[in-house]
Protein backbone atom coordinates (compact mmCIF):
# COMPACT_ATOMS: atom_id res chain seq x y z
CA MET A 1 -0.09 0.04 -0.07
CA ASP A 2 1.51 3.43 -0.80
CA ASN A 3 -0.91 5.50 1.46
CA PRO A 4 -0.03 5.02 5.02
CA VAL A 5 -1.66 2.16 6.73
CA PHE A 6 -3.32 2.52 10.19
CA VAL A 7 -4.27 -0.95 11.62
CA THR A 8 -6.13 -2.23 14.48
CA GLY A 9 -6.88 -5.91 15.64
CA GLN A 10 -8.90 -7.80 18.05
CA GLN A 11 -9.54 -11.62 18.31
CA ILE A 12 -13.20 -12.77 17.17
CA GLY A 13 -16.14 -12.84 19.20
CA LEU A 14 -19.73 -13.58 19.00
CA LEU A 15 -21.65 -10.67 17.61
CA GLY A 16 -18.45 -8.83 17.09
CA GLY A 17 -17.09 -9.07 20.55
CA PRO A 18 -17.23 -6.23 23.30
CA LEU A 19 -17.86 -2.52 22.49
CA TYR A 20 -14.35 -1.59 22.92
CA THR A 21 -13.55 -3.47 19.56
CA THR A 22 -15.83 -1.02 17.78
CA TYR A 23 -13.83 1.58 19.36
CA LYS A 24 -10.68 0.46 17.97
CA VAL A 25 -11.94 -0.02 14.54
CA LEU A 26 -13.20 3.45 14.54
CA GLY A 27 -9.92 4.62 15.77
CA ALA A 28 -8.05 3.17 12.87
CA VAL A 29 -10.90 4.72 10.39
CA THR A 30 -10.26 8.06 11.97
CA LEU A 31 -6.55 8.00 11.49
CA ALA A 32 -6.90 6.97 7.95
CA ARG A 33 -9.34 9.79 7.06
CA GLN A 34 -7.32 12.34 9.13
CA ASN A 35 -3.95 11.40 6.95
CA ASP A 36 -5.21 10.11 3.51
CA GLY A 37 -4.67 6.75 4.45
CA ASN A 38 -5.93 2.97 4.77
CA ALA A 39 -7.36 1.41 7.74
CA VAL A 40 -7.15 -2.32 8.36
CA TYR A 41 -8.88 -4.43 10.84
CA TRP A 42 -6.83 -7.52 11.94
CA LEU A 43 -9.64 -9.96 13.15
CA GLU A 44 -7.43 -12.32 15.07
CA THR A 45 -9.08 -15.98 13.72
CA ASN A 46 -6.01 -18.16 14.99
CA ASP A 47 -6.53 -17.65 19.02
CA ALA A 48 -7.68 -20.78 20.54
CA ASP A 49 -9.38 -19.34 23.78
CA PHE A 50 -12.93 -20.32 23.30
CA ALA A 51 -13.78 -19.62 26.69
CA GLU A 52 -12.99 -15.83 26.41
CA ILE A 53 -15.32 -15.52 23.32
CA ASN A 54 -18.20 -17.87 23.78
CA HIS A 55 -20.50 -15.57 25.61
CA PHE A 56 -22.13 -12.31 25.63
CA THR A 57 -23.96 -10.28 28.24
CA TYR A 58 -26.70 -7.77 27.90
CA LEU A 59 -29.66 -5.98 29.49
CA ASP A 60 -32.83 -7.68 28.63
CA LYS A 61 -36.24 -5.73 28.43
CA ALA A 62 -37.09 -5.78 32.04
CA ASN A 63 -33.32 -4.61 32.64
CA HIS A 64 -32.24 -7.38 34.19
CA LEU A 65 -28.21 -8.30 33.29
CA LYS A 66 -28.10 -11.62 31.47
CA THR A 67 -25.28 -13.69 30.20
CA LEU A 68 -25.67 -16.23 27.38
CA ARG A 69 -23.16 -18.84 26.83
CA TRP A 70 -22.41 -21.36 23.67
CA ASP A 71 -20.97 -24.49 25.48
CA LYS A 72 -19.37 -26.42 22.94
CA ASP A 73 -16.32 -28.90 23.10
CA THR A 74 -14.00 -27.52 20.14
CA GLY A 75 -11.41 -30.01 20.42
CA GLY A 76 -8.58 -27.28 20.48
CA LEU A 77 -9.29 -25.82 17.03
CA SER A 78 -8.38 -22.34 16.56
CA CYS A 79 -11.64 -20.36 17.24
CA GLY A 80 -11.88 -19.14 13.66
CA LEU A 81 -12.28 -22.99 12.39
CA ILE A 82 -14.98 -23.81 14.93
CA GLN A 83 -18.17 -24.35 13.22
CA ALA A 84 -21.46 -22.63 14.09
CA ASP A 85 -24.29 -24.91 14.83
CA GLU A 86 -28.16 -24.94 15.61
CA GLU A 87 -27.25 -24.36 19.35
CA LEU A 88 -25.70 -21.07 18.67
CA VAL A 89 -28.82 -19.93 16.71
CA GLU A 90 -30.92 -20.84 19.33
CA ILE A 91 -28.92 -18.74 21.74
CA LEU A 92 -28.86 -15.68 19.21
CA ASN A 93 -32.63 -16.10 18.83
CA ARG A 94 -32.92 -15.95 22.71
CA PHE A 95 -30.85 -12.79 22.98
CA PHE A 96 -32.79 -11.00 20.18
CA ASP A 97 -36.09 -12.26 21.79
CA ASP A 98 -35.01 -10.80 25.14
CA LEU A 99 -33.95 -7.20 23.85
CA THR A 100 -36.48 -4.56 24.23
CA PRO A 101 -38.00 -4.50 20.76
CA THR A 102 -37.53 -1.81 18.63
CA GLU A 103 -37.88 -1.04 14.96
CA TRP A 104 -34.36 -2.43 14.40
CA THR A 105 -34.41 -5.87 16.10
CA GLU A 106 -35.48 -7.78 13.45
CA SER A 107 -33.00 -6.54 11.20
CA LEU A 108 -30.40 -7.23 13.45
CA ARG A 109 -31.63 -10.54 13.92
CA LYS A 110 -31.45 -11.24 10.10
CA LEU A 111 -27.88 -10.08 10.03
CA ALA A 112 -26.69 -12.07 12.68
CA LEU A 113 -28.31 -15.25 11.64
CA SER A 114 -27.27 -14.74 8.09
CA CYS A 115 -23.52 -14.61 9.33
CA TYR A 116 -23.77 -17.53 11.91
CA GLN A 117 -25.35 -20.09 9.56
CA PRO A 118 -24.95 -23.74 10.86
CA GLY A 119 -21.71 -25.21 9.50
CA GLU A 120 -20.22 -21.78 8.78
CA MET A 121 -16.91 -21.32 10.51
CA LEU A 122 -16.53 -18.70 13.07
CA GLY A 123 -13.51 -17.01 11.06
CA LYS A 124 -15.78 -16.55 7.86
CA ALA A 125 -18.71 -15.59 9.91
CA SER A 126 -17.02 -13.02 12.05
CA PHE A 127 -15.36 -11.76 8.61
CA ASN A 128 -18.86 -11.35 7.12
CA LEU A 129 -20.37 -9.79 10.09
CA ALA A 130 -17.41 -7.15 10.81
CA SER A 131 -17.69 -6.65 6.85
CA ALA A 132 -21.54 -5.64 7.21
CA LEU A 133 -20.60 -3.42 10.44
CA TYR A 134 -17.85 -1.43 9.30
CA GLY A 135 -17.12 -2.02 5.78
CA GLY A 136 -19.15 1.16 4.70
CA PHE A 137 -16.35 3.22 6.40
CA GLY A 138 -13.52 2.01 4.07
CA ILE A 139 -11.72 -0.30 6.34
CA ARG A 140 -10.38 -3.38 5.12
CA VAL A 141 -11.02 -6.58 7.18
CA PHE A 142 -7.98 -8.86 7.30
CA ASP A 143 -7.93 -12.47 8.26
CA PRO A 144 -4.67 -13.50 9.55
CA SER A 145 -4.99 -17.40 8.47
CA ASP A 146 -4.72 -16.08 4.86
CA ASP A 147 -2.14 -18.25 3.21
CA LYS A 148 -0.27 -15.57 1.45
CA PHE A 149 0.32 -13.87 4.56
CA LEU A 150 1.45 -16.90 6.56
CA SER A 151 3.72 -17.43 3.88
CA GLU A 152 5.23 -13.95 3.93
CA ILE A 153 5.79 -13.95 7.74
CA ARG A 154 7.16 -17.58 7.95
CA PRO A 155 11.19 -16.34 7.60
CA ILE A 156 10.31 -14.08 10.52
CA LEU A 157 8.92 -16.83 12.83
CA GLU A 158 11.47 -19.18 11.79
CA ALA A 159 14.25 -16.75 12.41
CA GLU A 160 12.58 -16.32 15.94
CA ILE A 161 12.45 -20.13 16.64
CA SER A 162 16.30 -20.35 15.93
CA ALA A 163 17.06 -17.57 18.29
CA THR A 164 14.96 -19.12 20.96
CA GLU A 165 17.20 -20.38 24.05
CA PRO A 166 16.80 -24.09 24.59
CA GLY A 167 14.38 -24.85 27.59
CA LYS A 168 12.44 -21.85 26.37
CA GLN A 169 8.95 -21.46 24.68
CA CYS A 170 9.22 -20.22 21.09
CA ASN A 171 7.49 -17.10 20.10
CA ALA A 172 5.27 -18.98 17.55
CA PHE A 173 2.82 -21.47 17.19
CA LEU A 174 2.29 -24.54 14.75
CA ARG A 175 -0.92 -25.00 13.30
CA VAL A 176 -1.51 -28.64 12.65
CA ASN A 177 -5.09 -30.02 11.66
CA GLY A 178 -6.75 -27.04 12.49
CA LYS A 179 -4.85 -26.81 16.23
CA ARG A 180 -2.67 -24.06 17.21
CA LEU A 181 0.17 -25.81 19.19
CA ALA A 182 2.95 -24.42 21.26
CA LEU A 183 6.52 -25.06 20.22
CA PHE A 184 9.51 -25.39 22.55
CA LYS A 185 13.00 -25.38 21.98
CA THR A 186 15.45 -28.11 23.37
CA GLU A 187 19.19 -28.90 22.85
CA THR A 188 18.36 -31.10 19.70
CA GLY A 189 15.35 -29.11 18.29
CA VAL A 190 11.73 -28.15 18.25
CA VAL A 191 9.34 -29.99 20.44
CA PHE A 192 5.46 -29.83 21.37
CA ARG A 193 4.57 -29.46 24.98
CA ASP A 194 4.27 -33.29 25.19
CA ASN A 195 7.85 -33.38 24.00
CA ARG A 196 6.77 -34.86 20.62
CA PRO A 197 9.18 -33.67 18.01
CA ALA A 198 7.65 -31.06 15.87
CA ASP A 199 8.12 -31.19 12.27
CA LEU A 200 7.53 -27.41 11.15
CA GLU A 201 6.98 -28.27 7.51
CA THR A 202 3.46 -30.18 8.57
CA GLY A 203 1.67 -27.18 9.39
CA ARG A 204 1.63 -23.41 9.23
CA LEU A 205 3.54 -21.25 11.58
CA LEU A 206 1.66 -18.65 13.49
CA PRO A 207 2.58 -15.63 15.28
CA ASN A 208 2.08 -15.29 19.14
CA LEU A 209 1.75 -12.37 21.45
CA LYS A 210 5.31 -11.46 21.00
CA THR A 211 5.64 -11.66 17.38
CA ARG A 212 2.05 -10.91 16.17
CA ASN A 213 2.76 -7.00 15.92
CA ILE A 214 5.91 -7.54 14.10
CA CYS A 215 4.51 -9.67 11.32
CA GLN A 216 1.59 -7.05 10.93
CA ASP A 217 3.98 -4.39 10.63
CA ALA A 218 6.43 -6.16 8.01
CA TYR A 219 3.30 -7.25 6.18
CA PHE A 220 1.42 -3.88 6.03
CA GLY A 221 4.32 -1.35 6.78
CA THR A 222 2.10 -0.06 9.51
CA ASP A 223 2.00 3.52 10.27
CA THR A 224 0.08 3.28 13.35
CA TYR A 225 -1.36 0.64 15.44
CA VAL A 226 -4.56 1.47 17.77
CA ALA A 227 -4.15 -0.53 20.75
CA GLY A 228 -5.73 -1.05 24.18
CA PRO A 229 -3.69 -0.39 27.39
CA GLY A 230 -2.79 -4.06 27.88
CA GLU A 231 -1.65 -4.34 24.13
CA MET A 232 0.47 -1.04 24.65
CA ALA A 233 2.37 -2.52 27.77
CA TYR A 234 3.72 -5.69 25.78
CA ILE A 235 4.17 -3.92 22.64
CA SER A 236 6.49 -1.34 24.45
CA GLU A 237 8.72 -4.31 25.22
CA LEU A 238 9.28 -5.47 21.49
CA GLY A 239 11.68 -3.09 20.62
CA PRO A 240 14.84 -5.66 20.52
CA ARG A 241 12.85 -8.12 18.29
CA TYR A 242 11.89 -5.44 15.72
CA VAL A 243 15.65 -4.64 15.39
CA ARG A 244 16.59 -8.40 15.08
CA HIS A 245 14.01 -8.99 12.47
CA GLY A 246 14.86 -5.44 10.81
CA VAL A 247 11.03 -4.15 10.80
CA GLN A 248 10.21 -0.70 11.20
CA LYS A 249 7.85 -0.80 14.32
CA ALA A 250 4.76 1.36 13.86
CA ARG A 251 3.67 4.04 16.40
CA VAL A 252 1.07 2.94 18.76
CA GLN A 253 -2.07 5.11 19.41
CA ARG A 254 -3.94 4.07 22.53
CA ARG A 255 -7.70 3.57 21.87
CA MET A 256 -10.84 5.68 22.63
CA SER A 257 -12.53 4.66 26.00
CA ALA A 258 -16.31 5.81 26.32
CA VAL A 259 -19.04 5.36 28.83
CA LEU A 260 -22.24 5.22 26.92
CA LEU A 261 -24.81 6.97 29.04
CA GLU A 262 -28.46 6.02 27.90
CA PRO A 263 -31.62 8.19 28.65
CA ARG A 264 -32.71 5.84 31.44
CA THR A 265 -29.19 5.43 32.91
CA LYS A 266 -28.99 9.46 33.35
CA ARG A 267 -32.65 9.46 34.89
CA LEU A 268 -31.49 6.80 37.40
CA LEU A 269 -28.38 8.87 38.19
CA GLU A 270 -30.29 12.03 38.79
CA ARG A 271 -32.66 10.34 41.02
CA ILE A 272 -30.33 8.66 43.27
CA GLY A 273 -27.95 11.48 43.38
CA LEU A 274 -24.69 9.53 41.75
CA THR A 275 -22.25 10.45 39.27
CA VAL A 276 -20.85 8.19 36.80
CA ALA A 277 -17.79 8.19 38.53
CA GLU A 278 -19.19 7.05 41.67
CA VAL A 279 -20.85 4.16 40.01
CA THR A 280 -17.90 3.18 37.93
CA GLY A 281 -15.20 3.62 40.82
CA GLN A 282 -16.64 0.67 43.13
CA GLU A 283 -17.93 -2.92 42.78
CA ARG A 284 -21.72 -3.34 43.08
CA GLU A 285 -21.80 -4.31 46.71
CA ALA A 286 -19.68 -1.35 47.68
CA LEU A 287 -21.99 0.91 45.88
CA LEU A 288 -25.13 -0.52 47.18
CA LYS A 289 -23.67 -0.12 50.89
CA PHE A 290 -22.70 3.46 50.29
CA VAL A 291 -26.17 4.30 49.15
CA ARG A 292 -27.73 2.39 51.93
CA ASN A 293 -25.84 4.28 54.75
CA ARG A 294 -26.49 7.53 52.95
CA GLU A 295 -30.10 7.18 52.42
CA SER A 296 -30.42 5.69 56.22
CA GLY A 297 -28.17 8.38 57.73
CA VAL A 298 -26.51 5.35 59.48
CA ASN A 299 -23.09 3.84 59.12
CA PHE A 300 -24.08 0.18 60.43
CA SER A 301 -20.25 -0.88 60.62
CA ALA A 302 -19.44 2.11 62.60
CA LEU A 303 -22.53 1.91 64.81
CA LYS A 304 -21.90 -1.69 65.54
CA ALA A 305 -18.22 -1.00 66.64
CA GLU A 306 -19.37 1.96 68.69
CA LEU A 307 -22.13 -0.28 70.65
CA SER A 308 -19.56 -3.10 71.03
CA GLN A 309 -16.92 -0.67 72.41
CA LYS A 310 -19.74 0.92 74.77
CA THR A 311 -20.99 -2.51 75.92
CA LYS A 312 -17.33 -3.55 76.49
CA ALA A 313 -16.57 -0.53 78.75
CA TYR A 314 -19.99 -1.12 80.82
CA LEU A 315 -19.21 -4.71 81.40
CA ASP A 316 -15.58 -3.78 82.53
CA VAL A 317 -17.03 -1.45 85.12
CA VAL A 318 -19.40 -4.27 86.20
CA GLU A 319 -16.35 -6.28 86.71
CA GLN A 320 -14.49 -3.91 88.59
CA MET A 321 -17.35 -3.46 91.11
CA GLY A 322 -16.64 -7.29 91.73
CA LEU A 323 -19.76 -8.73 90.09
CA ASP A 324 -20.02 -11.68 87.57
CA SER A 325 -20.27 -10.10 84.17
CA LYS A 326 -20.13 -13.72 82.02
CA ARG A 327 -23.91 -14.05 82.05
CA MET A 328 -24.47 -10.35 80.84
CA ARG A 329 -21.78 -10.64 78.29
CA LYS A 330 -23.54 -13.91 76.66
CA ALA A 331 -26.75 -12.17 76.48
CA LEU A 332 -25.82 -8.69 75.41
CA ALA A 333 -23.99 -9.35 72.15
CA PRO A 334 -26.79 -11.28 70.51
CA ALA A 335 -29.16 -8.57 71.79
CA VAL A 336 -27.33 -5.69 70.38
CA GLN A 337 -26.89 -7.59 67.09
CA GLU A 338 -30.67 -8.19 66.88
CA ALA A 339 -31.45 -4.57 67.48
CA LEU A 340 -29.09 -3.48 64.65
CA GLY A 341 -30.38 -6.31 62.48
CA LYS A 342 -34.14 -4.87 62.84
CA ARG A 343 -33.21 -1.31 62.34
CA ARG A 344 -31.24 -2.30 59.33
CA SER A 345 -34.33 -4.17 58.11
CA GLY A 346 -36.49 -1.39 58.66
CA LEU A 347 -34.29 1.13 57.00
CA ASN A 348 -33.75 -1.34 53.85
CA ALA A 349 -37.67 -1.66 53.29
CA ALA A 350 -37.80 2.25 53.12
CA ILE A 351 -35.05 2.62 50.58
CA GLN A 352 -35.70 -0.51 48.46
CA GLN A 353 -36.45 0.94 45.47
CA LYS A 354 -33.26 3.16 45.69
CA LEU A 355 -31.49 0.02 46.02
CA SER A 356 -32.81 -1.43 43.43
CA ASP A 357 -32.24 1.20 40.92
CA THR A 358 -28.49 1.52 42.25
CA GLY A 359 -27.87 -2.24 41.46
CA GLU A 360 -29.25 -1.64 37.84
CA LEU A 361 -27.07 1.49 37.52
CA SER A 362 -24.29 -0.84 38.51
CA ASP A 363 -25.44 -3.50 35.97
CA ARG A 364 -25.47 -0.54 33.11
CA LEU A 365 -22.21 1.02 34.14
CA LEU A 366 -20.04 -1.54 35.47
CA PRO A 367 -21.71 -4.87 34.50
CA ASN A 368 -20.10 -7.88 36.24
CA GLY A 369 -17.45 -5.65 37.71
CA LEU A 370 -16.17 -4.73 34.72
CA PRO A 371 -16.14 -1.38 32.28
CA GLN A 372 -19.27 -1.31 30.19
CA GLU A 373 -17.21 -1.25 26.98
CA ARG A 374 -15.60 -4.63 28.07
CA VAL A 375 -18.78 -6.27 28.54
CA PHE A 376 -21.72 -5.13 26.26
CA SER A 377 -21.60 -5.59 22.63
CA LEU A 378 -22.46 -3.19 19.68
CA PHE A 379 -25.54 -5.15 18.95
CA TYR A 380 -27.41 -4.26 22.48
CA PHE A 381 -26.81 -0.52 21.66
CA MET A 382 -27.40 -0.70 17.65
CA ASN A 383 -31.14 -2.17 18.91
CA ARG A 384 -31.95 0.64 20.79
CA TYR A 385 -30.28 3.43 18.98
CA GLY A 386 -30.40 3.06 15.35
CA TYR A 387 -28.69 0.14 13.67
CA LEU A 388 -25.78 1.10 11.43
CA ASN A 389 -26.71 4.87 11.89
CA PHE A 390 -25.32 4.25 15.40
CA VAL A 391 -21.83 3.10 14.42
CA GLN A 392 -21.92 6.40 12.29
CA TRP A 393 -23.01 8.31 15.28
CA LEU A 394 -20.07 6.80 17.38
CA LEU A 395 -17.59 7.66 14.68
CA ASP A 396 -18.87 11.35 14.43
CA ARG A 397 -18.11 11.65 18.07
CA HIS A 398 -14.89 9.87 18.28
CA ARG A 399 -11.95 11.12 19.91
CA PHE A 400 -8.86 9.18 21.49
CA GLU A 401 -9.32 10.71 24.96
CA SER A 402 -11.86 8.94 27.50
CA GLN A 403 -15.27 10.40 27.28
CA ILE A 404 -19.11 9.97 28.61
CA LEU A 405 -21.12 10.15 25.52
CA GLU A 406 -25.02 10.77 26.05
CA VAL A 407 -26.70 8.39 23.73
CA GLY A 408 -30.09 9.40 22.13
CA TYR A 409 -32.27 7.90 19.38
CA VAL A 410 -30.19 8.52 15.90
């Protein structure tokens, strides 16, 4: 490519994976448009961690947080080679049935089911879905299982294997019969994890974490790579390997991070009197405790500590008077606990709605204790706010700094 190339990448995931994948793609699109360049989305199909990509989480029509999981024995295949089946179709239909129905629900269902047809490999299904979602923005969706690519990068991986010290794992995998197998160097050659000799001519060499970006930059001549914070950490350590292979290292741009603030979420924040930072800054139970204490005006932990201290002081005086306090100690502790419990129950009943709303807020902004962008998929928001027009809406507001975006109907 003559023009500068701006790349981002992410492993495949059901329904396109979590929302931050879209942020990465739009980052590459933005840079390409600003610099008269080309954008590439590296759709990682060779990864074999199925447990990381076999589920998706969303809010159903009753605003309850739900997770659907596709349990399947993959036989150790690379995720891109796993075949969709009727069970996956059933899970997808359940997802769309659970969503608040809008004018876009059935179009999104049709799109998803047209990609994840039974018998279709996940790599191809994910490629077709990504092309439908992002192709209109001029980004090239790239599958690194491509034979031409693997042939061109093979010398890099062979050199990396040769430079590996005996006793160490090589920075490459060998794909044999669809399985991505780790390689280890010994004094006499290269072996698999079970010490069987590895014949590198029997399969395709694939990059691992420490060679993927090197192979990517060698192939595309990447100008800038749009990365998440975890990627930035390991890419920063790859300098010596780039020098070893004579590859120009791409610049790295941290991806956008954004919290999407839906109208209902905003109303709940105002009703309870919380900020986005307060909700996302603590786990669900800690947030509920914070609101309970604030609404009740009682810090039960502090009250319990104070009562315990005063009870002990009283009983110490009783003992100093020469009286037997054992029976009193045995009776007072549960009495104090019971009184606290009754007061807590009464207050909880009075503020139950606020606690329920607080729990929903946490589910919306910090689902399962994780940032929203790492849990919810693009499909959940497209269903509520405009199908592919919503992707354009995100692109129009894209910037690499962290931000809060108030979502409306687009």
